[in-house]
Amino acid sequence: MTRKNQAVTLSIGEREKKALENLALEFGKTWGDKPNVSKLIKAIALKQLKIIVNDDWNSQRIETLEKARKLLLDFGFILEAEEIARILIERSELQDIFITREIEQFLAKPKPLWRNNIENFIKRQQPFNLIYQDASENLWNFSIVHGQLKIIEKHQYLICTCQETEGNEDIIELKHNRTLRLDRIQEAVVNPLKLAWQPELDMIEVQFKLYGRLAFSYGKEEIKQDDIFQGEIEGNPPSRLIIRKVSSSFWFFREMAKYWDECEIIAPLSLREKFSQKLSALHQIYRENPSEDG
């Protein structure tokens, strides 16, 4: 004897229906590639998804965030403005229908399906396969087991750890990490993978010393998010030891290069040698191409 499913009728408007369908897509509650509201509601009932209070912000906070969003737009920081818009549109305190409509229109600008898929997979900690072609018509295929979307120097990047290492010139410990600039990917295919999600990027601990004025100012003005140790100023000449978690030698070198002789990489030896090779190559360029005025 078969048991019939009990039907539940929802009395909601088109806007609320669309919102539920978006949530179903975001949390992977689909039938094929289409959102399935029934699966979403079942997941909530089974406490697989948690409902939390969403009406505890005062009006001043909402107004401040909206002003910040508009200022970011005025200065050209589109990606940052989008992040604030997403925060605002999720809040039930946003009662002003004109502001709501403006934000919805701002966020409704077309975004490729593959971009939405990447964002959803990262939110759900779901490994995924990314296939795309670069400007040189090279085809890249990555099996990604950890990903983060980050804004670096006004551009949005997918920072990820993947199984493939081909073409990666980083040190061995970081060869599985990639930094992909999303606005340079025109078309891509993104599909889920049956792999385990890695809790963080492949990381190494890097020790470096700061000298001179930088050693004194670093602890006051230059505290970095990934620093795990900041030593006291010691020695003659004065220096300060810093230990930091690093996922990419490229971005780490990019920062260290600003400090010139006020910074020295101590460990690991593989990273110190790679930086030394870059300095040697730069030195060779200046030796072989002297200035015409010199």
C-alpha atoms as a PDB file:
ATOM      1  CA  MET A   1       0.000   0.000   0.000  1.00  0.00           C
ATOM      2  CA  THR A   2       1.501   3.310  -1.035  1.00  0.00           C
ATOM      3  CA  ARG A   3       1.424   6.374   1.151  1.00  0.00           C
ATOM      4  CA  LYS A   4       0.428   9.635  -0.480  1.00  0.00           C
ATOM      5  CA  ASN A   5       2.371  12.818   0.264  1.00  0.00           C
ATOM      6  CA  GLN A   6       0.348  15.421   2.121  1.00  0.00           C
ATOM      7  CA  ALA A   7       0.062  18.695   0.205  1.00  0.00           C
ATOM      8  CA  VAL A   8       0.612  22.103   1.794  1.00  0.00           C
ATOM      9  CA  THR A   9      -0.764  25.158   0.027  1.00  0.00           C
ATOM     10  CA  LEU A  10       1.231  28.375   0.422  1.00  0.00           C
ATOM     11  CA  SER A  11      -0.671  31.638   0.182  1.00  0.00           C
ATOM     12  CA  ILE A  12       2.119  33.962  -0.956  1.00  0.00           C
ATOM     13  CA  GLY A  13       2.687  36.586  -3.609  1.00  0.00           C
ATOM     14  CA  GLU A  14       4.908  36.327  -6.679  1.00  0.00           C
ATOM     15  CA  ARG A  15       7.729  38.223  -4.958  1.00  0.00           C
ATOM     16  CA  GLU A  16       7.785  35.825  -1.976  1.00  0.00           C
ATOM     17  CA  LYS A  17       7.601  32.829  -4.331  1.00  0.00           C
ATOM     18  CA  LYS A  18      10.601  34.129  -6.272  1.00  0.00           C
ATOM     19  CA  ALA A  19      12.491  34.681  -3.008  1.00  0.00           C
ATOM     20  CA  LEU A  20      11.820  31.072  -1.938  1.00  0.00           C
ATOM     21  CA  GLU A  21      12.990  29.790  -5.318  1.00  0.00           C
ATOM     22  CA  ASN A  22      16.207  31.806  -5.013  1.00  0.00           C
ATOM     23  CA  LEU A  23      16.799  30.325  -1.562  1.00  0.00           C
ATOM     24  CA  ALA A  24      16.166  26.844  -2.930  1.00  0.00           C
ATOM     25  CA  LEU A  25      18.819  27.413  -5.616  1.00  0.00           C
ATOM     26  CA  GLU A  26      21.250  28.894  -3.098  1.00  0.00           C
ATOM     27  CA  PHE A  27      21.011  25.877  -0.785  1.00  0.00           C
ATOM     28  CA  GLY A  28      20.963  23.265  -3.538  1.00  0.00           C
ATOM     29  CA  LYS A  29      17.307  22.268  -3.120  1.00  0.00           C
ATOM     30  CA  THR A  30      16.493  21.575  -6.751  1.00  0.00           C
ATOM     31  CA  TRP A  31      14.732  19.181  -9.070  1.00  0.00           C
ATOM     32  CA  GLY A  32      17.226  18.808 -11.871  1.00  0.00           C
ATOM     33  CA  ASP A  33      18.423  22.353 -12.473  1.00  0.00           C
ATOM     34  CA  LYS A  34      15.198  24.022 -11.280  1.00  0.00           C
ATOM     35  CA  PRO A  35      14.480  25.292  -7.739  1.00  0.00           C
ATOM     36  CA  ASN A  36      12.299  23.041  -5.589  1.00  0.00           C
ATOM     37  CA  VAL A  37      10.498  24.968  -2.834  1.00  0.00           C
ATOM     38  CA  SER A  38       9.107  21.751  -1.334  1.00  0.00           C
ATOM     39  CA  LYS A  39      12.648  20.441  -0.721  1.00  0.00           C
ATOM     40  CA  LEU A  40      13.579  23.774   0.842  1.00  0.00           C
ATOM     41  CA  ILE A  41      10.621  23.708   3.259  1.00  0.00           C
ATOM     42  CA  LYS A  42      11.326  20.056   4.134  1.00  0.00           C
ATOM     43  CA  ALA A  43      14.968  20.916   4.922  1.00  0.00           C
ATOM     44  CA  ILE A  44      13.783  23.697   7.244  1.00  0.00           C
ATOM     45  CA  ALA A  45      11.315  21.353   8.955  1.00  0.00           C
ATOM     46  CA  LEU A  46      14.064  18.750   9.474  1.00  0.00           C
ATOM     47  CA  LYS A  47      16.360  21.499  10.877  1.00  0.00           C
ATOM     48  CA  GLN A  48      18.877  20.913   8.112  1.00  0.00           C
ATOM     49  CA  LEU A  49      18.581  24.678   7.549  1.00  0.00           C
ATOM     50  CA  LYS A  50      18.318  27.015  10.517  1.00  0.00           C
ATOM     51  CA  ILE A  51      15.924  29.962  10.761  1.00  0.00           C
ATOM     52  CA  ILE A  52      17.274  32.911  12.756  1.00  0.00           C
ATOM     53  CA  VAL A  53      15.886  36.275  13.835  1.00  0.00           C
ATOM     54  CA  ASN A  54      16.269  38.848  11.066  1.00  0.00           C
ATOM     55  CA  ASP A  55      14.667  41.978  12.503  1.00  0.00           C
ATOM     56  CA  ASP A  56      17.044  43.216  15.213  1.00  0.00           C
ATOM     57  CA  TRP A  57      18.809  46.049  13.347  1.00  0.00           C
ATOM     58  CA  ASN A  58      17.879  49.651  14.081  1.00  0.00           C
ATOM     59  CA  SER A  59      17.030  52.113  11.302  1.00  0.00           C
ATOM     60  CA  GLN A  60      20.291  54.044  11.760  1.00  0.00           C
ATOM     61  CA  ARG A  61      22.349  50.982  10.830  1.00  0.00           C
ATOM     62  CA  ILE A  62      20.258  50.396   7.699  1.00  0.00           C
ATOM     63  CA  GLU A  63      20.554  54.056   6.651  1.00  0.00           C
ATOM     64  CA  THR A  64      24.318  54.073   7.261  1.00  0.00           C
ATOM     65  CA  LEU A  65      24.846  50.980   5.110  1.00  0.00           C
ATOM     66  CA  GLU A  66      22.710  52.422   2.321  1.00  0.00           C
ATOM     67  CA  LYS A  67      24.760  55.661   2.368  1.00  0.00           C
ATOM     68  CA  ALA A  68      27.951  53.593   2.281  1.00  0.00           C
ATOM     69  CA  ARG A  69      26.637  51.628  -0.718  1.00  0.00           C
ATOM     70  CA  LYS A  70      25.940  54.809  -2.671  1.00  0.00           C
ATOM     71  CA  LEU A  71      29.323  56.335  -1.780  1.00  0.00           C
ATOM     72  CA  LEU A  72      31.093  53.178  -2.962  1.00  0.00           C
ATOM     73  CA  LEU A  73      29.187  53.419  -6.243  1.00  0.00           C
ATOM     74  CA  ASP A  74      30.205  57.053  -6.655  1.00  0.00           C
ATOM     75  CA  PHE A  75      33.876  56.119  -6.216  1.00  0.00           C
ATOM     76  CA  GLY A  76      33.627  53.167  -8.591  1.00  0.00           C
ATOM     77  CA  PHE A  77      33.842  50.335  -6.048  1.00  0.00           C
ATOM     78  CA  ILE A  78      31.103  48.248  -7.691  1.00  0.00           C
ATOM     79  CA  LEU A  79      31.941  44.902  -6.116  1.00  0.00           C
ATOM     80  CA  GLU A  80      32.001  46.329  -2.601  1.00  0.00           C
ATOM     81  CA  ALA A  81      28.670  48.092  -3.237  1.00  0.00           C
ATOM     82  CA  GLU A  82      27.185  44.761  -4.358  1.00  0.00           C
ATOM     83  CA  GLU A  83      28.234  43.099  -1.110  1.00  0.00           C
ATOM     84  CA  ILE A  84      26.499  45.776   0.975  1.00  0.00           C
ATOM     85  CA  ALA A  85      23.408  45.577  -1.247  1.00  0.00           C
ATOM     86  CA  ARG A  86      23.179  41.829  -0.630  1.00  0.00           C
ATOM     87  CA  ILE A  87      23.393  42.391   3.131  1.00  0.00           C
ATOM     88  CA  LEU A  88      20.631  45.006   2.994  1.00  0.00           C
ATOM     89  CA  ILE A  89      18.238  43.081   0.765  1.00  0.00           C
ATOM     90  CA  GLU A  90      18.334  40.111   3.148  1.00  0.00           C
ATOM     91  CA  ARG A  91      17.149  42.220   6.104  1.00  0.00           C
ATOM     92  CA  SER A  92      13.468  42.312   7.028  1.00  0.00           C
ATOM     93  CA  GLU A  93      13.960  45.779   8.557  1.00  0.00           C
ATOM     94  CA  LEU A  94      14.309  47.264   5.066  1.00  0.00           C
ATOM     95  CA  GLN A  95      10.770  48.683   4.890  1.00  0.00           C
ATOM     96  CA  ASP A  96      11.264  51.551   2.430  1.00  0.00           C
ATOM     97  CA  ILE A  97       9.783  50.232  -0.817  1.00  0.00           C
ATOM     98  CA  PHE A  98      11.717  52.737  -2.950  1.00  0.00           C
ATOM     99  CA  ILE A  99      15.095  51.766  -1.447  1.00  0.00           C
ATOM    100  CA  THR A 100      14.177  48.079  -1.758  1.00  0.00           C
ATOM    101  CA  ARG A 101      13.261  48.499  -5.424  1.00  0.00           C
ATOM    102  CA  GLU A 102      16.454  50.454  -6.132  1.00  0.00           C
ATOM    103  CA  ILE A 103      18.627  47.787  -4.517  1.00  0.00           C
ATOM    104  CA  GLU A 104      16.780  44.987  -6.309  1.00  0.00           C
ATOM    105  CA  GLN A 105      17.308  46.715  -9.659  1.00  0.00           C
ATOM    106  CA  PHE A 106      20.983  47.253  -8.816  1.00  0.00           C
ATOM    107  CA  LEU A 107      21.463  43.571  -8.009  1.00  0.00           C
ATOM    108  CA  ALA A 108      19.330  42.394 -10.946  1.00  0.00           C
ATOM    109  CA  LYS A 109      21.980  43.325 -13.483  1.00  0.00           C
ATOM    110  CA  PRO A 110      22.684  40.134 -15.420  1.00  0.00           C
ATOM    111  CA  LYS A 111      25.367  37.881 -13.978  1.00  0.00           C
ATOM    112  CA  PRO A 112      26.524  34.755 -15.839  1.00  0.00           C
ATOM    113  CA  LEU A 113      25.048  31.506 -14.554  1.00  0.00           C
ATOM    114  CA  TRP A 114      28.531  30.106 -13.920  1.00  0.00           C
ATOM    115  CA  ARG A 115      29.272  33.028 -11.551  1.00  0.00           C
ATOM    116  CA  ASN A 116      26.110  32.317  -9.580  1.00  0.00           C
ATOM    117  CA  ASN A 117      26.979  28.626  -9.458  1.00  0.00           C
ATOM    118  CA  ILE A 118      30.455  29.325  -8.078  1.00  0.00           C
ATOM    119  CA  GLU A 119      29.035  31.576  -5.353  1.00  0.00           C
ATOM    120  CA  ASN A 120      26.418  28.981  -4.393  1.00  0.00           C
ATOM    121  CA  PHE A 121      28.906  26.101  -4.296  1.00  0.00           C
ATOM    122  CA  ILE A 122      31.238  28.089  -2.039  1.00  0.00           C
ATOM    123  CA  LYS A 123      28.384  28.987   0.329  1.00  0.00           C
ATOM    124  CA  ARG A 124      27.401  25.315   0.550  1.00  0.00           C
ATOM    125  CA  GLN A 125      31.044  24.125   0.788  1.00  0.00           C
ATOM    126  CA  GLN A 126      30.467  21.943  -2.251  1.00  0.00           C
ATOM    127  CA  PRO A 127      33.549  20.972  -4.321  1.00  0.00           C
ATOM    128  CA  PHE A 128      33.127  21.814  -7.997  1.00  0.00           C
ATOM    129  CA  ASN A 129      34.703  21.498 -11.407  1.00  0.00           C
ATOM    130  CA  LEU A 130      35.538  24.703 -13.303  1.00  0.00           C
ATOM    131  CA  ILE A 131      36.314  24.645 -17.025  1.00  0.00           C
ATOM    132  CA  TYR A 132      37.077  27.829 -18.963  1.00  0.00           C
ATOM    133  CA  GLN A 133      39.148  29.210 -21.834  1.00  0.00           C
ATOM    134  CA  ASP A 134      41.574  32.084 -21.282  1.00  0.00           C
ATOM    135  CA  ALA A 135      42.392  34.959 -23.662  1.00  0.00           C
ATOM    136  CA  SER A 136      45.120  32.855 -25.321  1.00  0.00           C
ATOM    137  CA  GLU A 137      42.542  30.124 -26.047  1.00  0.00           C
ATOM    138  CA  ASN A 138      44.094  27.761 -23.523  1.00  0.00           C
ATOM    139  CA  LEU A 139      41.541  25.435 -21.925  1.00  0.00           C
ATOM    140  CA  TRP A 140      41.759  25.139 -18.142  1.00  0.00           C
ATOM    141  CA  ASN A 141      40.079  22.458 -16.049  1.00  0.00           C
ATOM    142  CA  PHE A 142      40.207  22.685 -12.253  1.00  0.00           C
ATOM    143  CA  SER A 143      38.739  20.356  -9.621  1.00  0.00           C
ATOM    144  CA  ILE A 144      38.249  22.792  -6.746  1.00  0.00           C
ATOM    145  CA  VAL A 145      38.036  21.545  -3.147  1.00  0.00           C
ATOM    146  CA  HIS A 146      38.159  24.939  -1.437  1.00  0.00           C
ATOM    147  CA  GLY A 147      37.297  28.384  -2.756  1.00  0.00           C
ATOM    148  CA  GLN A 148      36.969  31.967  -1.562  1.00  0.00           C
ATOM    149  CA  LEU A 149      35.832  35.083  -3.384  1.00  0.00           C
ATOM    150  CA  LYS A 150      38.061  38.036  -2.525  1.00  0.00           C
ATOM    151  CA  ILE A 151      38.435  41.590  -3.752  1.00  0.00           C
ATOM    152  CA  ILE A 152      42.114  42.353  -4.347  1.00  0.00           C
ATOM    153  CA  GLU A 153      43.205  45.676  -5.817  1.00  0.00           C
ATOM    154  CA  LYS A 154      39.650  46.510  -7.010  1.00  0.00           C
ATOM    155  CA  HIS A 155      39.145  43.193  -8.813  1.00  0.00           C
ATOM    156  CA  GLN A 156      37.240  40.095  -7.711  1.00  0.00           C
ATOM    157  CA  TYR A 157      39.220  36.858  -7.598  1.00  0.00           C
ATOM    158  CA  LEU A 158      38.444  33.226  -6.982  1.00  0.00           C
ATOM    159  CA  ILE A 159      41.147  32.071  -4.567  1.00  0.00           C
ATOM    160  CA  CYS A 160      41.037  28.285  -4.570  1.00  0.00           C
ATOM    161  CA  THR A 161      42.753  24.987  -3.840  1.00  0.00           C
ATOM    162  CA  CYS A 162      42.410  22.407  -6.603  1.00  0.00           C
ATOM    163  CA  GLN A 163      43.755  18.983  -7.503  1.00  0.00           C
ATOM    164  CA  GLU A 164      45.600  20.147 -10.644  1.00  0.00           C
ATOM    165  CA  THR A 165      49.090  21.729 -10.522  1.00  0.00           C
ATOM    166  CA  GLU A 166      49.996  22.036 -14.232  1.00  0.00           C
ATOM    167  CA  GLY A 167      51.357  25.471 -15.109  1.00  0.00           C
ATOM    168  CA  ASN A 168      51.626  26.592 -11.481  1.00  0.00           C
ATOM    169  CA  GLU A 169      55.094  27.994 -10.753  1.00  0.00           C
ATOM    170  CA  ASP A 170      54.585  28.456  -7.020  1.00  0.00           C
ATOM    171  CA  ILE A 171      56.630  26.529  -4.451  1.00  0.00           C
ATOM    172  CA  ILE A 172      55.697  22.868  -3.921  1.00  0.00           C
ATOM    173  CA  GLU A 173      53.710  23.530  -0.738  1.00  0.00           C
ATOM    174  CA  LEU A 174      51.417  25.983  -2.568  1.00  0.00           C
ATOM    175  CA  LYS A 175      51.224  24.426  -6.037  1.00  0.00           C
ATOM    176  CA  HIS A 176      47.591  23.386  -5.571  1.00  0.00           C
ATOM    177  CA  ASN A 177      46.440  26.976  -4.978  1.00  0.00           C
ATOM    178  CA  ARG A 178      45.182  29.231  -7.779  1.00  0.00           C
ATOM    179  CA  THR A 179      44.168  32.880  -8.005  1.00  0.00           C
ATOM    180  CA  LEU A 180      41.691  33.390 -10.855  1.00  0.00           C
ATOM    181  CA  ARG A 181      40.519  36.877 -11.818  1.00  0.00           C
ATOM    182  CA  LEU A 182      36.825  36.438 -12.520  1.00  0.00           C
ATOM    183  CA  ASP A 183      36.296  39.372 -14.899  1.00  0.00           C
ATOM    184  CA  ARG A 184      38.790  37.782 -17.305  1.00  0.00           C
ATOM    185  CA  ILE A 185      36.675  34.642 -17.643  1.00  0.00           C
ATOM    186  CA  GLN A 186      34.099  35.185 -20.383  1.00  0.00           C
ATOM    187  CA  GLU A 187      32.448  31.762 -20.458  1.00  0.00           C
ATOM    188  CA  ALA A 188      32.786  28.789 -18.130  1.00  0.00           C
ATOM    189  CA  VAL A 189      31.213  25.477 -17.168  1.00  0.00           C
ATOM    190  CA  VAL A 190      30.727  24.745 -13.464  1.00  0.00           C
ATOM    191  CA  ASN A 191      29.545  21.385 -12.108  1.00  0.00           C
ATOM    192  CA  PRO A 192      29.471  19.779  -8.633  1.00  0.00           C
ATOM    193  CA  LEU A 193      32.041  17.130  -7.681  1.00  0.00           C
ATOM    194  CA  LYS A 194      31.718  14.228  -5.252  1.00  0.00           C
ATOM    195  CA  LEU A 195      34.803  15.167  -3.237  1.00  0.00           C
ATOM    196  CA  ALA A 196      35.406  16.342   0.330  1.00  0.00           C
ATOM    197  CA  TRP A 197      35.475  20.105   0.944  1.00  0.00           C
ATOM    198  CA  GLN A 198      38.804  21.301   2.340  1.00  0.00           C
ATOM    199  CA  PRO A 199      38.344  23.593   5.380  1.00  0.00           C
ATOM    200  CA  GLU A 200      40.904  26.157   4.181  1.00  0.00           C
ATOM    201  CA  LEU A 201      43.376  26.899   1.417  1.00  0.00           C
ATOM    202  CA  ASP A 202      46.737  25.155   1.417  1.00  0.00           C
ATOM    203  CA  MET A 203      48.798  27.388   3.700  1.00  0.00           C
ATOM    204  CA  ILE A 204      52.366  27.684   4.930  1.00  0.00           C
ATOM    205  CA  GLU A 205      53.814  29.605   7.845  1.00  0.00           C
ATOM    206  CA  VAL A 206      56.265  32.255   6.666  1.00  0.00           C
ATOM    207  CA  GLN A 207      58.774  33.943   8.962  1.00  0.00           C
ATOM    208  CA  PHE A 208      60.138  37.342   7.988  1.00  0.00           C
ATOM    209  CA  LYS A 209      61.961  40.166   9.747  1.00  0.00           C
ATOM    210  CA  LEU A 210      61.212  43.853   9.522  1.00  0.00           C
ATOM    211  CA  TYR A 211      63.991  46.411  10.005  1.00  0.00           C
ATOM    212  CA  GLY A 212      64.354  50.125  10.643  1.00  0.00           C
ATOM    213  CA  ARG A 213      61.274  52.350  10.723  1.00  0.00           C
ATOM    214  CA  LEU A 214      59.052  49.526   9.490  1.00  0.00           C
ATOM    215  CA  ALA A 215      59.894  47.420  12.543  1.00  0.00           C
ATOM    216  CA  PHE A 216      58.639  50.218  14.820  1.00  0.00           C
ATOM    217  CA  SER A 217      55.535  51.147  12.824  1.00  0.00           C
ATOM    218  CA  TYR A 218      54.309  47.661  11.920  1.00  0.00           C
ATOM    219  CA  GLY A 219      52.764  46.776  15.268  1.00  0.00           C
ATOM    220  CA  LYS A 220      50.813  50.032  15.346  1.00  0.00           C
ATOM    221  CA  GLU A 221      49.592  50.480  11.782  1.00  0.00           C
ATOM    222  CA  GLU A 222      50.350  47.367   9.750  1.00  0.00           C
ATOM    223  CA  ILE A 223      48.632  44.519  11.617  1.00  0.00           C
ATOM    224  CA  LYS A 224      47.635  41.940   9.017  1.00  0.00           C
ATOM    225  CA  GLN A 225      44.742  39.514   9.221  1.00  0.00           C
ATOM    226  CA  ASP A 226      46.856  36.420   8.513  1.00  0.00           C
ATOM    227  CA  ASP A 227      49.620  37.248  11.019  1.00  0.00           C
ATOM    228  CA  ILE A 228      49.836  34.593  13.738  1.00  0.00           C
ATOM    229  CA  PHE A 229      52.818  36.056  15.628  1.00  0.00           C
ATOM    230  CA  GLN A 230      54.365  39.498  16.041  1.00  0.00           C
ATOM    231  CA  GLY A 231      57.606  39.585  17.988  1.00  0.00           C
ATOM    232  CA  GLU A 232      59.015  42.406  20.044  1.00  0.00           C
ATOM    233  CA  ILE A 233      61.600  44.807  18.668  1.00  0.00           C
ATOM    234  CA  GLU A 234      65.078  43.475  19.425  1.00  0.00           C
ATOM    235  CA  GLY A 235      68.680  43.453  18.256  1.00  0.00           C
ATOM    236  CA  ASN A 236      70.977  46.036  16.715  1.00  0.00           C
ATOM    237  CA  PRO A 237      69.974  47.149  14.147  1.00  0.00           C
ATOM    238  CA  PRO A 238      66.417  46.873  15.548  1.00  0.00           C
ATOM    239  CA  SER A 239      64.211  44.184  13.967  1.00  0.00           C
ATOM    240  CA  ARG A 240      60.816  42.565  14.523  1.00  0.00           C
ATOM    241  CA  LEU A 241      59.984  38.934  13.677  1.00  0.00           C
ATOM    242  CA  ILE A 242      56.607  38.263  12.031  1.00  0.00           C
ATOM    243  CA  ILE A 243      55.035  34.858  11.338  1.00  0.00           C
ATOM    244  CA  ARG A 244      52.190  34.820   8.824  1.00  0.00           C
ATOM    245  CA  LYS A 245      50.012  32.220   7.114  1.00  0.00           C
ATOM    246  CA  VAL A 246      50.449  32.531   3.334  1.00  0.00           C
ATOM    247  CA  SER A 247      48.568  30.827   0.506  1.00  0.00           C
ATOM    248  CA  SER A 248      50.294  32.417  -2.509  1.00  0.00           C
ATOM    249  CA  SER A 249      53.907  33.459  -3.026  1.00  0.00           C
ATOM    250  CA  PHE A 250      52.796  35.865  -5.800  1.00  0.00           C
ATOM    251  CA  TRP A 251      50.669  38.056  -3.530  1.00  0.00           C
ATOM    252  CA  PHE A 252      53.118  37.723  -0.642  1.00  0.00           C
ATOM    253  CA  PHE A 253      56.047  38.845  -2.817  1.00  0.00           C
ATOM    254  CA  ARG A 254      53.926  41.683  -4.173  1.00  0.00           C
ATOM    255  CA  GLU A 255      53.631  43.050  -0.637  1.00  0.00           C
ATOM    256  CA  MET A 256      57.228  42.373   0.412  1.00  0.00           C
ATOM    257  CA  ALA A 257      58.584  44.154  -2.681  1.00  0.00           C
ATOM    258  CA  LYS A 258      57.225  47.457  -1.336  1.00  0.00           C
ATOM    259  CA  TYR A 259      59.542  47.283   1.657  1.00  0.00           C
ATOM    260  CA  TRP A 260      62.834  46.687  -0.184  1.00  0.00           C
ATOM    261  CA  ASP A 261      65.724  46.330   2.287  1.00  0.00           C
ATOM    262  CA  GLU A 262      63.462  46.869   5.312  1.00  0.00           C
ATOM    263  CA  CYS A 263      62.195  43.289   5.051  1.00  0.00           C
ATOM    264  CA  GLU A 264      63.908  39.887   4.948  1.00  0.00           C
ATOM    265  CA  ILE A 265      62.225  36.499   4.408  1.00  0.00           C
ATOM    266  CA  ILE A 266      63.700  33.978   6.848  1.00  0.00           C
ATOM    267  CA  ALA A 267      61.707  30.767   6.326  1.00  0.00           C
ATOM    268  CA  PRO A 268      60.764  28.506   4.678  1.00  0.00           C
ATOM    269  CA  LEU A 269      63.965  28.226   2.692  1.00  0.00           C
ATOM    270  CA  SER A 270      62.067  27.408  -0.543  1.00  0.00           C
ATOM    271  CA  LEU A 271      60.224  30.748  -0.379  1.00  0.00           C
ATOM    272  CA  ARG A 272      63.397  32.679   0.532  1.00  0.00           C
ATOM    273  CA  GLU A 273      65.232  31.165  -2.450  1.00  0.00           C
ATOM    274  CA  LYS A 274      62.360  31.933  -4.835  1.00  0.00           C
ATOM    275  CA  PHE A 275      62.351  35.572  -3.730  1.00  0.00           C
ATOM    276  CA  SER A 276      66.151  35.685  -4.056  1.00  0.00           C
ATOM    277  CA  GLN A 277      65.881  34.399  -7.642  1.00  0.00           C
ATOM    278  CA  LYS A 278      63.471  37.210  -8.505  1.00  0.00           C
ATOM    279  CA  LEU A 279      65.828  39.785  -7.024  1.00  0.00           C
ATOM    280  CA  SER A 280      68.748  38.284  -8.989  1.00  0.00           C
ATOM    281  CA  ALA A 281      66.735  38.451 -12.221  1.00  0.00           C
ATOM    282  CA  LEU A 282      65.865  42.092 -11.522  1.00  0.00           C
ATOM    283  CA  HIS A 283      69.507  42.871 -10.766  1.00  0.00           C
ATOM    284  CA  GLN A 284      70.555  41.252 -14.036  1.00  0.00           C
ATOM    285  CA  ILE A 285      68.092  43.403 -16.003  1.00  0.00           C
ATOM    286  CA  TYR A 286      69.587  46.579 -14.575  1.00  0.00           C
ATOM    287  CA  ARG A 287      73.152  45.380 -15.225  1.00  0.00           C
ATOM    288  CA  GLU A 288      72.424  44.516 -18.879  1.00  0.00           C
ATOM    289  CA  ASN A 289      70.321  47.598 -19.634  1.00  0.00           C
ATOM    290  CA  PRO A 290      72.036  50.614 -18.094  1.00  0.00           C
ATOM    291  CA  SER A 291      70.363  53.999 -18.366  1.00  0.00           C
ATOM    292  CA  GLU A 292      71.328  56.087 -21.404  1.00  0.00           C
ATOM    293  CA  ASP A 293      72.049  58.984 -19.082  1.00  0.00           C
ATOM    294  CA  GLY A 294      74.383  56.896 -16.953  1.00  0.00           C
END
